[in-house]
Amino acid sequence: MPVRYQVEHRTICQGWINCWTSYDQYGNPSPTLFDTREQAKEELSEYLAESMYYFQTGTLDSPESRDNYRISAVEVAEQQTLF
């Protein structure tokens, strides 16, 4: 099975979960997965930088902590065309 990568957020009740969502052309949600660890790391870094910006401009009370996030590998079943 192919390996993809996801950014997980640590929650109090559920532990580590992938709470990032992508939407297809019809608006259907699915967990955000990345082809490489580097892509996931870059997306997380951009998110944390944006969080820091909003903290510095007074929009957020506190910035997000990198300690609350991790990148993990997940195996994804290959989709087969039936027709």
N, C-alpha and C. Protein backbone atom coordinates (compact mmCIF):
# COMPACT_ATOMS: atom_id res chain seq x y z
N MET A 1 0.84 -1.19 0.00
CA MET A 1 0.00 0.00 0.00
C MET A 1 0.88 1.24 0.00
N PRO A 2 0.46 2.26 -0.73
CA PRO A 2 1.23 3.52 -0.74
C PRO A 2 1.18 4.22 0.62
N VAL A 3 2.23 4.93 0.93
CA VAL A 3 2.30 5.69 2.18
C VAL A 3 2.07 7.16 1.87
N ARG A 4 1.22 7.78 2.67
CA ARG A 4 0.99 9.23 2.60
C ARG A 4 1.27 9.77 3.99
N TYR A 5 1.21 11.08 4.13
CA TYR A 5 1.53 11.71 5.40
C TYR A 5 0.41 12.65 5.81
N GLN A 6 0.21 12.75 7.12
CA GLN A 6 -0.83 13.63 7.64
C GLN A 6 -0.28 14.43 8.81
N VAL A 7 -0.86 15.61 9.00
CA VAL A 7 -0.53 16.44 10.15
C VAL A 7 -1.58 16.11 11.21
N GLU A 8 -1.10 15.72 12.38
CA GLU A 8 -2.02 15.38 13.47
C GLU A 8 -1.91 16.43 14.58
N HIS A 9 -3.03 16.64 15.24
CA HIS A 9 -3.13 17.59 16.33
C HIS A 9 -3.44 16.81 17.60
N ARG A 10 -2.77 17.15 18.69
CA ARG A 10 -3.02 16.47 19.96
C ARG A 10 -4.25 17.07 20.63
N THR A 11 -5.22 16.21 20.93
CA THR A 11 -6.43 16.65 21.62
C THR A 11 -6.50 16.00 23.00
N ILE A 12 -7.24 16.59 23.89
CA ILE A 12 -7.37 16.06 25.25
C ILE A 12 -8.19 14.76 25.24
N CYS A 13 -9.28 14.74 24.52
CA CYS A 13 -10.19 13.59 24.57
C CYS A 13 -9.84 12.47 23.60
N GLN A 14 -9.34 12.81 22.42
CA GLN A 14 -9.13 11.80 21.39
C GLN A 14 -7.67 11.48 21.11
N GLY A 15 -6.75 12.13 21.79
CA GLY A 15 -5.33 11.90 21.51
C GLY A 15 -4.94 12.56 20.20
N TRP A 16 -4.09 11.91 19.42
CA TRP A 16 -3.61 12.46 18.15
C TRP A 16 -4.62 12.17 17.05
N ILE A 17 -5.10 13.23 16.37
CA ILE A 17 -6.05 13.06 15.27
C ILE A 17 -5.68 13.96 14.09
N ASN A 18 -6.08 13.54 12.90
CA ASN A 18 -5.93 14.38 11.72
C ASN A 18 -7.19 15.24 11.63
N CYS A 19 -7.07 16.48 12.01
CA CYS A 19 -8.23 17.37 11.98
C CYS A 19 -8.19 18.33 10.79
N TRP A 20 -7.21 18.14 9.87
CA TRP A 20 -7.14 18.97 8.68
C TRP A 20 -8.02 18.34 7.61
N THR A 21 -8.80 19.15 6.94
CA THR A 21 -9.77 18.64 5.98
C THR A 21 -9.59 19.29 4.62
N SER A 22 -9.72 18.47 3.58
CA SER A 22 -9.73 18.95 2.20
C SER A 22 -11.11 18.67 1.62
N TYR A 23 -11.47 19.41 0.58
CA TYR A 23 -12.78 19.25 -0.04
C TYR A 23 -12.62 18.99 -1.53
N ASP A 24 -13.40 18.06 -2.05
CA ASP A 24 -13.35 17.79 -3.48
C ASP A 24 -14.20 18.80 -4.24
N GLN A 25 -14.31 18.64 -5.54
CA GLN A 25 -15.03 19.61 -6.37
C GLN A 25 -16.51 19.70 -6.04
N TYR A 26 -17.04 18.70 -5.33
CA TYR A 26 -18.46 18.69 -4.97
C TYR A 26 -18.69 19.12 -3.53
N GLY A 27 -17.62 19.49 -2.83
CA GLY A 27 -17.74 19.94 -1.45
C GLY A 27 -17.69 18.82 -0.43
N ASN A 28 -17.34 17.61 -0.85
CA ASN A 28 -17.26 16.48 0.08
C ASN A 28 -15.93 16.53 0.84
N PRO A 29 -16.00 16.43 2.17
CA PRO A 29 -14.78 16.51 2.96
C PRO A 29 -14.03 15.18 3.02
N SER A 30 -12.71 15.27 3.18
CA SER A 30 -11.88 14.09 3.44
C SER A 30 -10.64 14.57 4.19
N PRO A 31 -10.02 13.69 4.98
CA PRO A 31 -8.81 14.10 5.70
C PRO A 31 -7.72 14.53 4.72
N THR A 32 -7.00 15.58 5.06
CA THR A 32 -5.92 16.06 4.21
C THR A 32 -4.73 15.13 4.35
N LEU A 33 -4.26 14.62 3.21
CA LEU A 33 -3.08 13.76 3.15
C LEU A 33 -2.08 14.35 2.17
N PHE A 34 -0.80 14.17 2.46
CA PHE A 34 0.27 14.71 1.63
C PHE A 34 1.08 13.56 1.04
N ASP A 35 1.62 13.78 -0.15
CA ASP A 35 2.42 12.75 -0.82
C ASP A 35 3.78 12.54 -0.16
N THR A 36 4.34 13.59 0.43
CA THR A 36 5.65 13.47 1.07
C THR A 36 5.62 14.10 2.46
N ARG A 37 6.55 13.64 3.29
CA ARG A 37 6.69 14.21 4.64
C ARG A 37 7.06 15.69 4.54
N GLU A 38 7.87 16.04 3.54
CA GLU A 38 8.31 17.42 3.37
C GLU A 38 7.11 18.34 3.07
N GLN A 39 6.17 17.87 2.26
CA GLN A 39 4.98 18.68 1.97
C GLN A 39 4.16 18.91 3.23
N ALA A 40 4.00 17.88 4.04
CA ALA A 40 3.25 18.01 5.29
C ALA A 40 3.96 18.97 6.24
N LYS A 41 5.29 18.84 6.32
CA LYS A 41 6.08 19.71 7.19
C LYS A 41 5.98 21.17 6.75
N GLU A 42 6.03 21.41 5.45
CA GLU A 42 5.92 22.77 4.93
C GLU A 42 4.55 23.37 5.23
N GLU A 43 3.51 22.59 5.05
CA GLU A 43 2.14 23.07 5.33
C GLU A 43 1.98 23.40 6.82
N LEU A 44 2.52 22.55 7.68
CA LEU A 44 2.45 22.80 9.12
C LEU A 44 3.24 24.06 9.47
N SER A 45 4.41 24.24 8.90
CA SER A 45 5.22 25.43 9.18
C SER A 45 4.50 26.70 8.75
N GLU A 46 3.84 26.66 7.59
CA GLU A 46 3.07 27.83 7.13
C GLU A 46 1.92 28.13 8.09
N TYR A 47 1.25 27.09 8.55
CA TYR A 47 0.13 27.27 9.49
C TYR A 47 0.63 27.90 10.79
N LEU A 48 1.74 27.39 11.32
CA LEU A 48 2.27 27.92 12.57
C LEU A 48 2.76 29.36 12.41
N ALA A 49 3.35 29.69 11.26
CA ALA A 49 3.79 31.06 10.99
C ALA A 49 2.58 32.00 10.93
N GLU A 50 1.51 31.53 10.30
CA GLU A 50 0.29 32.33 10.22
C GLU A 50 -0.30 32.55 11.62
N SER A 51 -0.26 31.51 12.44
CA SER A 51 -0.74 31.62 13.81
C SER A 51 0.07 32.67 14.58
N MET A 52 1.39 32.65 14.39
CA MET A 52 2.25 33.62 15.07
C MET A 52 1.94 35.05 14.59
N TYR A 53 1.71 35.20 13.30
CA TYR A 53 1.35 36.51 12.76
C TYR A 53 0.09 37.05 13.43
N TYR A 54 -0.94 36.21 13.53
CA TYR A 54 -2.20 36.66 14.13
C TYR A 54 -2.03 36.93 15.63
N PHE A 55 -1.15 36.20 16.29
CA PHE A 55 -0.85 36.48 17.69
C PHE A 55 -0.17 37.84 17.82
N GLN A 56 0.80 38.10 16.96
CA GLN A 56 1.54 39.36 17.03
C GLN A 56 0.69 40.56 16.67
N THR A 57 -0.34 40.36 15.85
CA THR A 57 -1.22 41.48 15.49
C THR A 57 -2.40 41.62 16.45
N GLY A 58 -2.46 40.74 17.47
CA GLY A 58 -3.50 40.84 18.49
C GLY A 58 -4.79 40.11 18.17
N THR A 59 -4.84 39.38 17.08
CA THR A 59 -6.05 38.64 16.72
C THR A 59 -6.21 37.36 17.55
N LEU A 60 -5.10 36.73 17.92
CA LEU A 60 -5.11 35.53 18.76
C LEU A 60 -4.54 35.85 20.13
N ASP A 61 -5.07 35.20 21.17
CA ASP A 61 -4.55 35.39 22.52
C ASP A 61 -3.20 34.72 22.71
N SER A 62 -2.99 33.58 22.04
CA SER A 62 -1.70 32.89 22.12
C SER A 62 -1.45 32.14 20.82
N PRO A 63 -0.19 32.01 20.42
CA PRO A 63 0.10 31.31 19.18
C PRO A 63 0.00 29.80 19.37
N GLU A 64 -0.18 29.08 18.28
CA GLU A 64 -0.18 27.61 18.32
C GLU A 64 1.23 27.13 18.66
N SER A 65 1.33 26.03 19.37
CA SER A 65 2.62 25.45 19.71
C SER A 65 2.91 24.27 18.80
N ARG A 66 4.13 24.20 18.30
CA ARG A 66 4.54 23.07 17.46
C ARG A 66 4.42 21.76 18.23
N ASP A 67 4.53 21.80 19.55
CA ASP A 67 4.43 20.60 20.38
C ASP A 67 3.06 19.93 20.29
N ASN A 68 2.05 20.68 19.86
CA ASN A 68 0.70 20.13 19.73
C ASN A 68 0.45 19.47 18.38
N TYR A 69 1.47 19.39 17.55
CA TYR A 69 1.32 18.83 16.21
C TYR A 69 2.43 17.82 15.93
N ARG A 70 2.11 16.86 15.07
CA ARG A 70 3.12 15.93 14.59
C ARG A 70 2.74 15.47 13.19
N ILE A 71 3.71 14.94 12.48
CA ILE A 71 3.48 14.40 11.15
C ILE A 71 3.64 12.89 11.23
N SER A 72 2.67 12.17 10.74
CA SER A 72 2.74 10.71 10.78
C SER A 72 2.46 10.12 9.41
N ALA A 73 3.02 8.94 9.19
CA ALA A 73 2.81 8.21 7.94
C ALA A 73 1.57 7.34 8.08
N VAL A 74 0.79 7.27 7.00
CA VAL A 74 -0.38 6.39 6.98
C VAL A 74 -0.38 5.62 5.66
N GLU A 75 -0.80 4.37 5.74
CA GLU A 75 -0.93 3.58 4.53
C GLU A 75 -2.31 3.81 3.95
N VAL A 76 -2.37 4.00 2.65
CA VAL A 76 -3.63 4.30 1.98
C VAL A 76 -3.89 3.21 0.94
N ALA A 77 -5.08 2.65 0.99
CA ALA A 77 -5.44 1.63 0.00
C ALA A 77 -5.54 2.29 -1.37
N GLU A 78 -5.04 1.60 -2.38
CA GLU A 78 -5.12 2.13 -3.73
C GLU A 78 -6.54 2.01 -4.24
N GLN A 79 -6.98 3.04 -4.93
CA GLN A 79 -8.32 3.05 -5.48
C GLN A 79 -8.27 2.37 -6.86
N GLN A 80 -9.20 1.47 -7.10
CA GLN A 80 -9.23 0.78 -8.38
C GLN A 80 -10.46 1.22 -9.16
N THR A 81 -10.28 1.41 -10.44
CA THR A 81 -11.39 1.79 -11.30
C THR A 81 -12.22 0.56 -11.61
N LEU A 82 -13.50 0.66 -11.43
CA LEU A 82 -14.39 -0.49 -11.67
C LEU A 82 -14.91 -0.55 -13.09
N PHE A 83 -14.84 0.53 -13.80
CA PHE A 83 -15.39 0.57 -15.14
C PHE A 83 -14.32 0.83 -16.17
